[in-house]
Amino acid sequence: MGRRISVLIADELYEPLVEKARLAGRPPEEFASELLDDALRGPRAARPTGRAAPEEPSAAGDEDPLLALAGCIDLEIEDLADRHDEYVAATASNGGSRVGRG
């Protein structure tokens, strides 16, 4: 069960939220709730869900489960697409702390 809250956000945040939600195929309210959940408890992909992961690749034929997250956030890391495995491994070996860019 959840609780309902009202949040006033600036227009410059609302428009990108609506667009990202549209791209994800979700209502903006649900998408915003998921973003808040990820910000407070960490990404859902890193949490146990009790559900089995989908066994079939996406319609595009991609088998990378993280591909669905591509373009969801803006980062200053320009080589993330090429070096994401290195960043994930470095973060994991650092106890989950952010890894600085050298």
C-alpha atoms as a PDB file:
ATOM      1  CA  MET A   1       0.000   0.000   0.000  1.00  0.00           C
ATOM      2  CA  GLY A   2       1.266   3.460  -0.754  1.00  0.00           C
ATOM      3  CA  ARG A   3       0.556   6.999   0.280  1.00  0.00           C
ATOM      4  CA  ARG A   4      -0.460   9.790  -2.026  1.00  0.00           C
ATOM      5  CA  ILE A   5       1.489  13.057  -1.990  1.00  0.00           C
ATOM      6  CA  SER A   6       1.392  16.144  -4.179  1.00  0.00           C
ATOM      7  CA  VAL A   7       4.613  17.595  -5.501  1.00  0.00           C
ATOM      8  CA  LEU A   8       4.915  20.903  -7.326  1.00  0.00           C
ATOM      9  CA  ILE A   9       7.677  20.769  -9.927  1.00  0.00           C
ATOM     10  CA  ALA A  10       8.984  23.466 -12.239  1.00  0.00           C
ATOM     11  CA  ASP A  11       7.921  23.495 -15.889  1.00  0.00           C
ATOM     12  CA  GLU A  12      11.514  22.833 -16.959  1.00  0.00           C
ATOM     13  CA  LEU A  13      11.360  19.531 -15.037  1.00  0.00           C
ATOM     14  CA  TYR A  14       7.819  18.598 -15.981  1.00  0.00           C
ATOM     15  CA  GLU A  15       8.304  18.606 -19.742  1.00  0.00           C
ATOM     16  CA  PRO A  16      11.331  16.241 -19.688  1.00  0.00           C
ATOM     17  CA  LEU A  17       9.501  14.039 -17.170  1.00  0.00           C
ATOM     18  CA  VAL A  18       6.510  13.714 -19.475  1.00  0.00           C
ATOM     19  CA  GLU A  19       8.763  12.969 -22.444  1.00  0.00           C
ATOM     20  CA  LYS A  20      10.803  10.320 -20.588  1.00  0.00           C
ATOM     21  CA  ALA A  21       7.598   8.738 -19.281  1.00  0.00           C
ATOM     22  CA  ARG A  22       6.167   8.674 -22.809  1.00  0.00           C
ATOM     23  CA  LEU A  23       9.317   6.985 -24.109  1.00  0.00           C
ATOM     24  CA  ALA A  24       9.081   4.428 -21.293  1.00  0.00           C
ATOM     25  CA  GLY A  25       5.386   3.857 -22.055  1.00  0.00           C
ATOM     26  CA  ARG A  26       4.365   4.880 -18.530  1.00  0.00           C
ATOM     27  CA  PRO A  27       2.108   7.582 -17.093  1.00  0.00           C
ATOM     28  CA  PRO A  28       4.185  10.536 -15.798  1.00  0.00           C
ATOM     29  CA  GLU A  29       2.937  10.008 -12.236  1.00  0.00           C
ATOM     30  CA  GLU A  30       4.008   6.370 -12.193  1.00  0.00           C
ATOM     31  CA  PHE A  31       7.331   7.185 -13.858  1.00  0.00           C
ATOM     32  CA  ALA A  32       8.039   9.951 -11.313  1.00  0.00           C
ATOM     33  CA  SER A  33       7.240   7.558  -8.468  1.00  0.00           C
ATOM     34  CA  GLU A  34       9.700   5.025  -9.886  1.00  0.00           C
ATOM     35  CA  LEU A  35      12.386   7.703 -10.227  1.00  0.00           C
ATOM     36  CA  LEU A  36      11.869   8.716  -6.608  1.00  0.00           C
ATOM     37  CA  ASP A  37      11.977   5.067  -5.524  1.00  0.00           C
ATOM     38  CA  ASP A  38      15.251   4.552  -7.412  1.00  0.00           C
ATOM     39  CA  ALA A  39      16.725   7.717  -5.911  1.00  0.00           C
ATOM     40  CA  LEU A  40      15.876   6.676  -2.354  1.00  0.00           C
ATOM     41  CA  ARG A  41      16.410   2.898  -2.478  1.00  0.00           C
ATOM     42  CA  GLY A  42      18.697   2.397  -5.469  1.00  0.00           C
ATOM     43  CA  PRO A  43      17.863   1.148  -8.927  1.00  0.00           C
ATOM     44  CA  ARG A  44      15.227  -1.598  -9.081  1.00  0.00           C
ATOM     45  CA  ALA A  45      17.547  -3.697 -11.250  1.00  0.00           C
ATOM     46  CA  ALA A  46      19.909  -4.014  -8.274  1.00  0.00           C
ATOM     47  CA  ARG A  47      17.147  -5.052  -5.847  1.00  0.00           C
ATOM     48  CA  PRO A  48      15.694  -8.547  -5.545  1.00  0.00           C
ATOM     49  CA  THR A  49      12.159  -8.605  -6.907  1.00  0.00           C
ATOM     50  CA  GLY A  50      11.053 -12.158  -6.258  1.00  0.00           C
ATOM     51  CA  ARG A  51      10.152 -12.388  -9.944  1.00  0.00           C
ATOM     52  CA  ALA A  52      12.065 -14.252 -12.605  1.00  0.00           C
ATOM     53  CA  ALA A  53      13.823 -12.147 -15.197  1.00  0.00           C
ATOM     54  CA  PRO A  54      12.313 -12.255 -18.673  1.00  0.00           C
ATOM     55  CA  GLU A  55      13.821 -15.076 -20.701  1.00  0.00           C
ATOM     56  CA  GLU A  56      13.129 -13.668 -24.153  1.00  0.00           C
ATOM     57  CA  PRO A  57      15.105 -10.808 -25.715  1.00  0.00           C
ATOM     58  CA  SER A  58      13.309  -7.578 -26.477  1.00  0.00           C
ATOM     59  CA  ALA A  59      11.439  -7.093 -29.743  1.00  0.00           C
ATOM     60  CA  ALA A  60      14.527  -5.382 -31.170  1.00  0.00           C
ATOM     61  CA  GLY A  61      16.535  -8.556 -30.509  1.00  0.00           C
ATOM     62  CA  ASP A  62      18.744  -6.932 -27.880  1.00  0.00           C
ATOM     63  CA  GLU A  63      19.696  -9.202 -25.006  1.00  0.00           C
ATOM     64  CA  ASP A  64      21.220  -6.539 -22.727  1.00  0.00           C
ATOM     65  CA  PRO A  65      18.689  -5.953 -19.909  1.00  0.00           C
ATOM     66  CA  LEU A  66      20.172  -2.508 -19.241  1.00  0.00           C
ATOM     67  CA  LEU A  67      19.489  -1.304 -22.770  1.00  0.00           C
ATOM     68  CA  ALA A  68      15.976  -0.304 -21.722  1.00  0.00           C
ATOM     69  CA  LEU A  69      17.568   2.323 -19.464  1.00  0.00           C
ATOM     70  CA  ALA A  70      19.553   3.938 -22.286  1.00  0.00           C
ATOM     71  CA  GLY A  71      18.823   7.645 -22.518  1.00  0.00           C
ATOM     72  CA  CYS A  72      16.836   7.787 -19.263  1.00  0.00           C
ATOM     73  CA  ILE A  73      19.277  10.127 -17.547  1.00  0.00           C
ATOM     74  CA  ASP A  74      21.743  12.782 -18.594  1.00  0.00           C
ATOM     75  CA  LEU A  75      25.309  12.245 -17.386  1.00  0.00           C
ATOM     76  CA  GLU A  76      28.601  13.976 -17.916  1.00  0.00           C
ATOM     77  CA  ILE A  77      30.299  10.620 -18.575  1.00  0.00           C
ATOM     78  CA  GLU A  78      30.827  10.662 -22.323  1.00  0.00           C
ATOM     79  CA  ASP A  79      32.259   7.146 -22.670  1.00  0.00           C
ATOM     80  CA  LEU A  80      29.627   5.343 -20.612  1.00  0.00           C
ATOM     81  CA  ALA A  81      28.288   3.356 -23.571  1.00  0.00           C
ATOM     82  CA  ASP A  82      31.738   2.010 -24.375  1.00  0.00           C
ATOM     83  CA  ARG A  83      33.001   1.474 -20.804  1.00  0.00           C
ATOM     84  CA  HIS A  84      29.837   0.735 -18.777  1.00  0.00           C
ATOM     85  CA  ASP A  85      31.108  -2.695 -17.715  1.00  0.00           C
ATOM     86  CA  GLU A  86      34.266  -1.101 -16.288  1.00  0.00           C
ATOM     87  CA  TYR A  87      32.242   1.515 -14.385  1.00  0.00           C
ATOM     88  CA  VAL A  88      29.872  -1.106 -12.955  1.00  0.00           C
ATOM     89  CA  ALA A  89      32.769  -3.342 -11.889  1.00  0.00           C
ATOM     90  CA  ALA A  90      34.643  -0.434 -10.318  1.00  0.00           C
ATOM     91  CA  THR A  91      31.536   0.689  -8.431  1.00  0.00           C
ATOM     92  CA  ALA A  92      30.846  -2.849  -7.213  1.00  0.00           C
ATOM     93  CA  SER A  93      34.420  -3.296  -6.000  1.00  0.00           C
ATOM     94  CA  ASN A  94      34.182   0.078  -4.246  1.00  0.00           C
ATOM     95  CA  GLY A  95      31.287  -1.092  -2.059  1.00  0.00           C
ATOM     96  CA  GLY A  96      28.686   0.640  -4.212  1.00  0.00           C
ATOM     97  CA  SER A  97      30.237   4.091  -3.851  1.00  0.00           C
ATOM     98  CA  ARG A  98      30.497   6.284  -6.888  1.00  0.00           C
ATOM     99  CA  VAL A  99      33.642   5.965  -8.883  1.00  0.00           C
ATOM    100  CA  GLY A 100      35.443   9.155  -9.821  1.00  0.00           C
ATOM    101  CA  ARG A 101      36.422   9.774 -13.377  1.00  0.00           C
ATOM    102  CA  GLY A 102      40.171   9.954 -13.842  1.00  0.00           C
END
